[in-house]
Protein backbone atom coordinates (compact mmCIF):
# COMPACT_ATOMS: atom_id res chain seq x y z
CA UNK A 1 15.87 0.99 24.68
CA UNK A 2 16.70 -0.90 27.85
CA UNK A 3 14.52 -2.93 30.19
CA UNK A 4 14.31 -2.57 33.95
CA UNK A 5 16.56 -4.84 36.01
CA UNK A 6 13.75 -6.61 37.85
CA UNK A 7 10.07 -7.19 37.15
CA UNK A 8 7.11 -8.57 39.09
CA UNK A 9 3.67 -9.83 38.15
CA UNK A 10 1.18 -6.95 38.00
CA UNK A 11 -1.80 -9.20 38.62
CA UNK A 12 -3.46 -7.62 35.57
CA UNK A 13 -3.55 -9.91 32.53
CA UNK A 14 -3.24 -7.29 29.79
CA UNK A 15 -0.41 -5.44 31.59
CA UNK A 16 1.63 -8.50 32.52
CA UNK A 17 4.85 -7.77 34.37
CA UNK A 18 5.75 -4.34 35.71
CA UNK A 19 9.05 -2.99 37.10
CA UNK A 20 9.71 -4.05 40.67
CA UNK A 21 9.53 -0.46 41.97
CA UNK A 22 6.10 0.19 40.46
CA UNK A 23 2.70 -0.40 42.06
CA UNK A 24 -0.72 -1.31 40.73
CA UNK A 25 -3.30 1.05 42.23
CA UNK A 26 -7.04 1.58 41.65
CA UNK A 27 -8.02 4.93 40.21
CA UNK A 28 -9.64 6.05 43.47
CA UNK A 29 -6.11 6.31 44.95
CA UNK A 30 -5.17 9.29 42.80
CA UNK A 31 -8.06 10.29 40.50
CA UNK A 32 -11.20 12.21 41.41
CA UNK A 33 -14.03 13.61 39.33
CA UNK A 34 -14.51 17.35 38.93
CA UNK A 35 -18.16 18.40 38.73
CA UNK A 36 -17.76 22.15 39.34
CA UNK A 37 -20.20 24.04 37.12
CA UNK A 38 -19.76 27.41 35.42
CA UNK A 39 -22.38 29.09 37.58
CA UNK A 40 -22.38 32.85 37.23
CA UNK A 41 -20.51 32.52 33.91
CA UNK A 42 -17.12 32.45 35.62
CA UNK A 43 -15.49 31.53 32.28
CA UNK A 44 -16.46 31.87 28.63
CA UNK A 45 -13.70 29.92 26.85
CA UNK A 46 -15.56 26.92 25.42
CA UNK A 47 -13.47 23.77 24.85
CA UNK A 48 -14.08 20.59 22.88
CA UNK A 49 -12.40 17.23 22.41
CA UNK A 50 -11.54 16.68 18.76
CA UNK A 51 -9.20 14.08 17.19
CA UNK A 52 -7.68 13.29 20.57
CA UNK A 53 -6.89 16.92 21.46
CA UNK A 54 -8.57 19.58 23.56
CA UNK A 55 -9.11 22.73 21.52
CA UNK A 56 -10.77 26.10 22.00
CA UNK A 57 -14.00 26.52 20.04
CA UNK A 58 -14.11 29.56 17.77
CA UNK A 59 -16.88 32.15 18.13
CA UNK A 60 -18.32 31.05 14.78
CA UNK A 61 -18.87 27.53 16.18
CA UNK A 62 -20.97 28.75 19.10
CA UNK A 63 -24.21 28.81 17.13
CA UNK A 64 -26.97 26.33 16.39
CA UNK A 65 -27.24 23.46 18.87
CA UNK A 66 -25.72 25.22 21.88
CA UNK A 67 -27.34 25.94 25.25
CA UNK A 68 -28.93 29.30 26.03
CA UNK A 69 -26.45 29.61 28.87
CA UNK A 70 -23.05 27.99 29.43
CA UNK A 71 -23.66 27.93 33.20
CA UNK A 72 -24.38 24.18 32.98
CA UNK A 73 -20.94 23.52 31.49
CA UNK A 74 -18.22 22.19 33.77
CA UNK A 75 -15.05 24.08 34.64
CA UNK A 76 -11.82 22.76 33.14
CA UNK A 77 -8.35 23.54 34.51
CA UNK A 78 -4.96 23.05 32.90
CA UNK A 79 -3.95 19.44 33.56
CA UNK A 80 -7.50 18.05 33.71
CA UNK A 81 -8.05 14.89 31.70
CA UNK A 82 -11.21 15.07 29.60
CA UNK A 83 -12.83 11.79 28.59
CA UNK A 84 -15.78 11.12 26.28
CA UNK A 85 -17.64 8.33 28.10
CA UNK A 86 -20.56 7.55 25.78
CA UNK A 87 -21.36 5.14 22.97
CA UNK A 88 -18.36 2.83 23.25
CA UNK A 89 -20.17 0.08 21.39
CA UNK A 90 -20.79 2.11 18.22
CA UNK A 91 -17.56 4.10 18.09
CA UNK A 92 -14.36 2.14 18.54
CA UNK A 93 -12.26 4.43 16.34
CA UNK A 94 -12.24 7.92 17.87
CA UNK A 95 -9.64 8.88 20.46
CA UNK A 96 -11.64 9.45 23.63
CA UNK A 97 -9.37 11.37 25.97
CA UNK A 98 -6.86 14.18 26.21
CA UNK A 99 -5.23 16.41 28.75
CA UNK A 100 -6.28 20.06 28.71
CA UNK A 101 -3.71 22.77 28.12
CA UNK A 102 -6.38 25.41 28.61
CA UNK A 103 -8.53 26.86 31.37
CA UNK A 104 -12.11 26.95 30.16
CA UNK A 105 -15.45 25.14 30.17
CA UNK A 106 -16.77 22.03 28.47
CA UNK A 107 -20.14 20.33 28.16
CA UNK A 108 -21.08 18.05 31.05
CA UNK A 109 -21.40 15.19 28.54
CA UNK A 110 -17.68 14.64 29.15
CA UNK A 111 -15.99 13.21 32.23
CA UNK A 112 -13.55 15.64 33.82
CA UNK A 113 -10.89 13.70 35.74
CA UNK A 114 -8.41 15.39 38.05
CA UNK A 115 -5.31 14.01 39.72
CA UNK A 116 -4.12 14.22 43.28
CA UNK A 117 -0.63 15.43 44.18
CA UNK A 118 0.81 11.89 44.08
CA UNK A 119 0.16 11.58 40.32
CA UNK A 120 1.49 13.37 37.22
CA UNK A 121 -1.48 14.20 34.93
CA UNK A 122 0.70 14.07 31.80
CA UNK A 123 1.86 10.52 32.56
CA UNK A 124 -1.74 9.34 32.87
CA UNK A 125 -2.68 11.26 29.74
CA UNK A 126 -0.27 8.96 27.92
CA UNK A 127 -1.55 5.92 29.79
CA UNK A 128 -5.14 6.73 28.80
CA UNK A 129 -3.96 7.11 25.21
CA UNK A 130 -2.39 3.65 25.47
CA UNK A 131 -5.53 1.90 26.73
CA UNK A 132 -7.52 3.82 24.12
CA UNK A 133 -5.25 2.74 21.25
CA UNK A 134 -5.23 -0.86 22.49
CA UNK A 135 -9.02 -0.89 22.96
CA UNK A 136 -8.65 -1.98 26.60
CA UNK A 137 -11.02 0.83 27.50
CA UNK A 138 -13.92 -0.79 25.65
CA UNK A 139 -14.15 -3.54 28.25
CA UNK A 140 -15.09 -1.04 30.94
CA UNK A 141 -18.43 0.22 29.71
CA UNK A 142 -21.86 -0.79 30.92
CA UNK A 143 -25.44 -0.34 29.76
CA UNK A 144 -27.02 -0.82 26.35
CA UNK A 145 -24.69 1.61 24.59
CA UNK A 146 -21.64 0.78 26.69
CA UNK A 147 -21.10 4.05 28.57
CA UNK A 148 -18.31 4.63 31.10
CA UNK A 149 -18.71 6.47 34.38
CA UNK A 150 -16.21 7.75 36.95
CA UNK A 151 -17.03 4.65 39.04
CA UNK A 152 -15.41 2.50 36.35
CA UNK A 153 -12.17 4.46 36.67
CA UNK A 154 -12.26 4.31 40.49
CA UNK A 155 -12.05 0.52 40.24
CA UNK A 156 -9.72 0.34 37.23
CA UNK A 157 -6.19 -0.87 38.04
CA UNK A 158 -3.42 1.47 36.86
CA UNK A 159 0.35 0.93 36.80
CA UNK A 160 1.77 3.50 39.20
CA UNK A 161 5.50 4.39 39.05
CA UNK A 162 7.05 6.69 41.68
CA UNK A 163 6.05 10.31 40.99
CA UNK A 164 9.53 11.48 39.77
CA UNK A 165 9.55 8.58 37.30
CA UNK A 166 6.04 9.45 36.10
CA UNK A 167 7.24 12.99 35.36
CA UNK A 168 10.40 11.77 33.62
CA UNK A 169 8.37 9.38 31.43
CA UNK A 170 5.89 12.15 30.55
CA UNK A 171 8.73 14.49 29.55
CA UNK A 172 10.40 11.75 27.51
CA UNK A 173 7.16 10.99 25.65
CA UNK A 174 6.48 14.70 25.11
CA UNK A 175 9.82 14.98 23.35
CA UNK A 176 9.63 11.75 21.35
CA UNK A 177 6.01 12.08 20.23
CA UNK A 178 6.56 15.72 19.23
CA UNK A 179 9.44 14.64 16.98
CA UNK A 180 7.36 11.81 15.50
CA UNK A 181 4.43 14.19 14.90
CA UNK A 182 6.77 16.70 13.27
CA UNK A 183 8.12 14.03 10.93
CA UNK A 184 4.58 12.93 10.08
CA UNK A 185 3.63 16.54 9.38
CA UNK A 186 6.59 16.93 6.99
CA UNK A 187 5.60 13.78 5.10
CA UNK A 188 1.96 14.92 4.91
CA UNK A 189 3.12 18.21 3.39
CA UNK A 190 5.24 16.26 0.91
CA UNK A 191 2.14 14.28 -0.07
CA UNK A 192 0.22 17.52 -0.60
CA UNK A 193 3.03 18.81 -2.84
CA UNK A 194 2.86 15.59 -4.87
CA UNK A 195 -0.90 16.00 -5.22
CA UNK A 196 -0.37 19.57 -6.35
CA UNK A 197 2.12 18.28 -8.92
CA UNK A 198 -0.52 15.85 -10.13
CA UNK A 199 -3.06 18.65 -10.41
CA UNK A 200 -0.61 20.69 -12.49
CA UNK A 201 -0.18 17.69 -14.82
CA UNK A 202 -3.96 17.33 -15.17
CA UNK A 203 -4.45 21.02 -15.80
CA UNK A 204 -1.80 21.12 -18.52
CA UNK A 205 -3.17 17.92 -20.08
CA UNK A 206 -6.73 19.22 -20.47
CA UNK A 207 -5.92 22.82 -21.45
CA UNK A 208 -2.70 22.67 -23.49
CA UNK A 209 -1.87 19.05 -24.29
CA UNK A 210 1.68 17.89 -24.99
CA UNK A 211 2.82 20.55 -27.47
CA UNK A 212 4.02 23.70 -25.70
CA UNK A 213 4.41 25.53 -29.03
CA UNK A 214 0.85 24.99 -30.24
CA UNK A 215 -1.11 28.07 -31.27
CA UNK A 216 -3.93 28.99 -28.91
CA UNK A 217 -7.40 30.44 -29.36
CA UNK A 218 -10.05 31.83 -27.03
CA UNK A 219 -12.28 28.97 -25.90
CA UNK A 220 -15.26 31.31 -25.60
CA UNK A 221 -15.75 30.24 -21.97
CA UNK A 222 -14.46 32.58 -19.25
CA UNK A 223 -13.53 29.87 -16.75
CA UNK A 224 -11.64 27.85 -19.40
CA UNK A 225 -9.59 30.56 -21.11
CA UNK A 226 -7.37 29.73 -24.09
CA UNK A 227 -7.05 26.28 -25.67
CA UNK A 228 -5.13 24.87 -28.68
CA UNK A 229 -6.65 26.21 -31.88
CA UNK A 230 -7.47 22.76 -33.27
CA UNK A 231 -9.36 21.68 -30.10
CA UNK A 232 -13.09 22.21 -29.63
CA UNK A 233 -15.49 22.88 -26.77
CA UNK A 234 -18.77 20.97 -26.47
CA UNK A 235 -21.47 20.72 -23.85
CA UNK A 236 -21.32 17.45 -21.94
CA UNK A 237 -24.68 16.32 -23.32
CA UNK A 238 -23.16 16.33 -26.84
CA UNK A 239 -20.22 14.14 -25.72
CA UNK A 240 -22.35 11.24 -24.50
CA UNK A 241 -23.82 8.18 -26.17
CA UNK A 242 -27.07 8.54 -24.19
CA UNK A 243 -28.78 10.99 -21.84
CA UNK A 244 -27.53 11.47 -18.31
CA UNK A 245 -29.36 9.02 -16.07
CA UNK A 246 -30.33 9.11 -12.41
CA UNK A 247 -29.79 5.99 -10.31
CA UNK A 248 -32.26 3.75 -8.50
CA UNK A 249 -34.12 5.16 -5.49
CA UNK A 250 -34.08 1.93 -3.53
CA UNK A 251 -32.93 1.02 -0.03
CA UNK A 252 -31.18 -2.14 -1.23
CA UNK A 253 -31.24 -5.69 0.09
CA UNK A 254 -28.71 -7.83 1.92
CA UNK A 255 -25.59 -8.33 -0.15
CA UNK A 256 -25.79 -11.32 -2.49
CA UNK A 257 -23.04 -12.18 -4.97
CA UNK A 258 -25.65 -13.46 -7.44
CA UNK A 259 -27.45 -10.08 -7.52
CA UNK A 260 -26.24 -6.72 -8.84
CA UNK A 261 -24.16 -4.92 -6.27
CA UNK A 262 -25.77 -1.61 -5.27
CA UNK A 263 -23.17 1.14 -5.79
CA UNK A 264 -23.74 4.21 -3.60
CA UNK A 265 -21.80 7.43 -3.06
CA UNK A 266 -20.57 6.11 0.29
CA UNK A 267 -19.07 3.04 -1.42
CA UNK A 268 -16.39 5.15 -3.11
CA UNK A 269 -13.25 5.75 -1.07
CA UNK A 270 -10.86 8.70 -1.34
CA UNK A 271 -8.86 6.66 -3.84
CA UNK A 272 -11.93 6.29 -6.06
CA UNK A 273 -12.11 2.55 -5.43
CA UNK A 274 -15.14 0.67 -4.15
CA UNK A 275 -15.24 -0.15 -0.47
CA UNK A 276 -15.75 -3.74 0.63
CA UNK A 277 -17.60 -2.63 3.78
CA UNK A 278 -21.37 -2.49 4.28
CA UNK A 279 -22.16 -3.78 0.79
CA UNK A 280 -25.74 -4.02 -0.46
CA UNK A 281 -27.40 -5.52 -3.50
CA UNK A 282 -30.48 -4.82 -5.59
CA UNK A 283 -32.85 -7.45 -6.84
CA UNK A 284 -32.75 -7.94 -10.59
CA UNK A 285 -36.19 -6.33 -10.81
CA UNK A 286 -34.92 -3.25 -8.98
CA UNK A 287 -31.51 -3.00 -10.61
CA UNK A 288 -31.94 -4.15 -14.22
CA UNK A 289 -32.50 -0.60 -15.54
CA UNK A 290 -29.53 0.86 -13.68
CA UNK A 291 -26.67 -1.46 -14.62
CA UNK A 292 -23.16 -0.03 -14.96
CA UNK A 293 -20.66 -0.68 -17.72
CA UNK A 294 -16.89 -0.39 -17.62
CA UNK A 295 -15.88 3.26 -18.03
CA UNK A 296 -19.18 4.84 -16.99
CA UNK A 297 -18.70 8.19 -15.24
CA UNK A 298 -20.75 8.79 -12.10
CA UNK A 299 -21.46 12.26 -10.74
CA UNK A 300 -22.63 12.98 -7.19
CA UNK A 301 -25.63 15.30 -7.36
CA UNK A 302 -26.06 16.39 -3.74
CA UNK A 303 -24.81 15.93 -0.21
CA UNK A 304 -21.27 16.27 1.14
CA UNK A 305 -19.74 14.89 -2.08
CA UNK A 306 -21.79 17.01 -4.50
CA UNK A 307 -19.88 17.60 -7.73
CA UNK A 308 -17.51 14.70 -7.12
CA UNK A 309 -16.95 12.39 -10.08
CA UNK A 310 -16.12 8.69 -10.12
CA UNK A 311 -15.16 6.42 -12.95
CA UNK A 312 -16.62 2.95 -12.69
CA UNK A 313 -14.22 0.14 -13.58
CA UNK A 314 -15.13 -3.52 -13.46
CA UNK A 315 -11.70 -4.14 -11.92
CA UNK A 316 -12.79 -2.19 -8.82
CA UNK A 317 -14.24 -5.30 -7.21
CA UNK A 318 -15.02 -8.92 -8.01
CA UNK A 319 -18.79 -8.76 -8.55
CA UNK A 320 -20.20 -9.48 -12.01
CA UNK A 321 -23.02 -6.89 -12.08
CA UNK A 322 -23.47 -3.43 -10.58
CA UNK A 323 -26.33 -0.97 -10.31
CA UNK A 324 -26.04 2.62 -9.10
CA UNK A 325 -27.99 4.62 -6.54
CA UNK A 326 -30.25 7.65 -6.88
CA UNK A 327 -27.80 10.25 -5.60
CA UNK A 328 -25.54 9.41 -8.53
CA UNK A 329 -25.91 10.44 -12.17
CA UNK A 330 -24.47 8.22 -14.88
CA UNK A 331 -22.70 9.57 -17.98
CA UNK A 332 -21.71 7.23 -20.84
CA UNK A 333 -18.93 8.77 -22.90
CA UNK A 334 -19.34 8.58 -26.68
CA UNK A 335 -15.99 6.97 -27.46
CA UNK A 336 -16.08 8.35 -31.00
CA UNK A 337 -15.90 11.85 -29.51
CA UNK A 338 -14.20 11.53 -26.14
CA UNK A 339 -12.50 8.68 -24.33
CA UNK A 340 -14.00 7.82 -20.95
CA UNK A 341 -10.57 8.07 -19.32
CA UNK A 342 -10.08 11.54 -20.78
CA UNK A 343 -13.50 12.72 -19.62
CA UNK A 344 -12.76 11.44 -16.12
CA UNK A 345 -9.40 13.24 -16.17
CA UNK A 346 -11.20 16.42 -17.19
CA UNK A 347 -13.60 16.11 -14.25
CA UNK A 348 -10.61 15.99 -11.91
CA UNK A 349 -9.14 19.22 -13.25
CA UNK A 350 -9.28 22.77 -11.94
CA UNK A 351 -11.49 23.61 -14.94
CA UNK A 352 -14.18 21.33 -13.56
CA UNK A 353 -13.75 22.93 -10.12
CA UNK A 354 -14.09 26.39 -11.72
CA UNK A 355 -17.35 25.31 -13.34
CA UNK A 356 -18.73 23.95 -10.06
CA UNK A 357 -17.86 27.20 -8.29
CA UNK A 358 -19.74 29.15 -10.95
CA UNK A 359 -22.76 26.84 -10.53
CA UNK A 360 -22.76 27.13 -6.73
CA UNK A 361 -22.45 30.92 -6.80
CA UNK A 362 -25.78 31.05 -8.59
CA UNK A 363 -27.58 28.46 -6.46
CA UNK A 364 -28.94 28.73 -2.95
CA UNK A 365 -28.47 24.98 -2.39
CA UNK A 366 -25.43 23.02 -3.48
CA UNK A 367 -27.16 20.56 -5.74
CA UNK A 368 -26.14 19.66 -9.29
CA UNK A 369 -28.79 17.81 -11.24
CA UNK A 370 -28.59 16.21 -14.66
CA UNK A 371 -29.81 19.43 -16.29
CA UNK A 372 -26.81 21.34 -14.90
CA UNK A 373 -24.27 18.60 -15.60
CA UNK A 374 -25.48 18.41 -19.20
CA UNK A 375 -24.41 22.05 -19.76
CA UNK A 376 -20.82 21.51 -18.57
CA UNK A 377 -18.41 22.80 -21.22
CA UNK A 378 -15.85 20.12 -22.07
CA UNK A 379 -12.56 20.83 -23.87
CA UNK A 380 -12.02 18.10 -26.47
CA UNK A 381 -8.78 17.35 -28.36
CA UNK A 382 -8.80 14.95 -31.35
CA UNK A 383 -9.10 11.30 -30.30
CA UNK A 384 -5.51 10.41 -31.20
CA UNK A 385 -4.27 13.34 -29.14
CA UNK A 386 -6.50 12.33 -26.21
CA UNK A 387 -4.84 8.91 -26.21
CA UNK A 388 -1.34 10.45 -26.37
CA UNK A 389 -2.19 12.81 -23.51
CA UNK A 390 -3.55 9.94 -21.41
CA UNK A 391 -0.45 7.81 -22.04
CA UNK A 392 1.87 10.66 -21.03
CA UNK A 393 -0.21 11.58 -17.98
CA UNK A 394 -0.56 7.98 -16.76
CA UNK A 395 3.19 7.45 -17.09
CA UNK A 396 3.99 10.47 -14.92
CA UNK A 397 1.09 9.94 -12.52
CA UNK A 398 2.19 6.36 -11.84
CA UNK A 399 5.43 7.71 -10.36
CA UNK A 400 3.48 10.23 -8.27
CA UNK A 401 1.14 7.48 -7.02
CA UNK A 402 4.10 5.34 -6.00
CA UNK A 403 5.75 8.25 -4.18
CA UNK A 404 2.50 9.08 -2.35
CA UNK A 405 1.96 5.43 -1.40
CA UNK A 406 5.51 5.19 -0.04
CA UNK A 407 5.05 8.28 2.12
CA UNK A 408 1.65 7.05 3.33
CA UNK A 409 3.26 3.77 4.35
CA UNK A 410 6.01 5.67 6.17
CA UNK A 411 3.38 7.71 8.01
CA UNK A 412 1.53 4.56 9.06
CA UNK A 413 4.78 3.05 10.37
CA UNK A 414 5.52 6.22 12.33
CA UNK A 415 2.02 6.20 13.85
CA UNK A 416 2.42 2.53 14.70
CA UNK A 417 5.83 3.19 16.28
CA UNK A 418 4.36 6.06 18.30
CA UNK A 419 1.56 3.82 19.62
CA UNK A 420 3.96 1.01 20.54
CA UNK A 421 6.40 3.45 22.16
CA UNK A 422 3.73 4.99 24.39
CA UNK A 423 2.37 1.56 25.33
CA UNK A 424 5.79 0.10 26.18
CA UNK A 425 6.94 3.09 28.22
CA UNK A 426 3.79 3.67 30.32
CA UNK A 427 3.51 -0.03 31.20
CA UNK A 428 7.20 -0.37 32.06
CA UNK A 429 8.12 -2.78 29.23
CA UNK A 430 11.09 -0.53 28.46
CA UNK A 431 13.07 1.92 30.57
CA UNK A 432 13.77 5.44 29.41
CA UNK A 433 17.34 6.70 29.55
């Protein structure tokens, strides 16, 4: 992309130079705040700002913590820019603004900014996205929790191209970002297909093994179905070297490398690895009875991750000792019956999901305690066959992991390119064709 022929100093440090034909104007020159309320229930389409987009709330969402009347909500027109002005200090991740493509109403907790005839709302939608991505916006807030008001935007200095150029830039970015988003969407679908392929591998591994010609028998468990005739089914409690154990009910102390690290549900990422953020420790007195060993399986017993399993590996982090928290249940595989790796693979299969669904259908609260986990039916091949299955699965899964990682990296590069493109175009660093 080309640059403009001539530039001038904008007078704003973070913007730097702008094209000679552009101006720097305060927001009061072209932005005003809409405070019109929905008195008399003029409209009933309720909007919300979610993941940087304005969306219409479904009827099913309009329950619980909602007002008795939506008359206090503010009216939103197509082209209004909605901004979430609160709690800048504690939330520096969420996208805080978007242009509305709908006519509706939204809670007065948001700022509703409108544009005068000399400004293109779509151009400034992209500019707001730029200062949001670059965290420039977090320097505006005031008060204990760093809130922003319309007064901050009245004084804020904006780059201001001629109106026809604003519109041309907005149209250019609409086209380019839509193509980038479409490419990202395709790659995300490809990742989902790879994950489905992995799930198929797991399912075959724990129900049929490697021999497609093996004779099958009824497992005796409805949600398992048929299994190889030389395999067996045991309850989890008969596959372990000790009883299932609940973790420590402690709040933890400041992280100390000399103490056992306190492993909580929230420490496990989507990849099953331990996070390095917000680490805590337990004192030896608190944690000595809850130490983890390599290969221990941890089950989440309640909360948002109920039924999720994790395999603890000492290679997850660099600490020497680890203790686990009360919302986790520890299972120690009896390696003479079942390999820890195989048990963990089993708990990532559709069979395990089928069992959880059966448990939840019978319970009023989604909570799986040690008594329920102990009754889980586990399909067990002979040890030698377990090892062969694991070797084959790991070999194929390694290729899937690499393919997923590559696509995730491509997605990150596309998102990064999109951010840089918007930033460069709305500040005049490059000129659109």
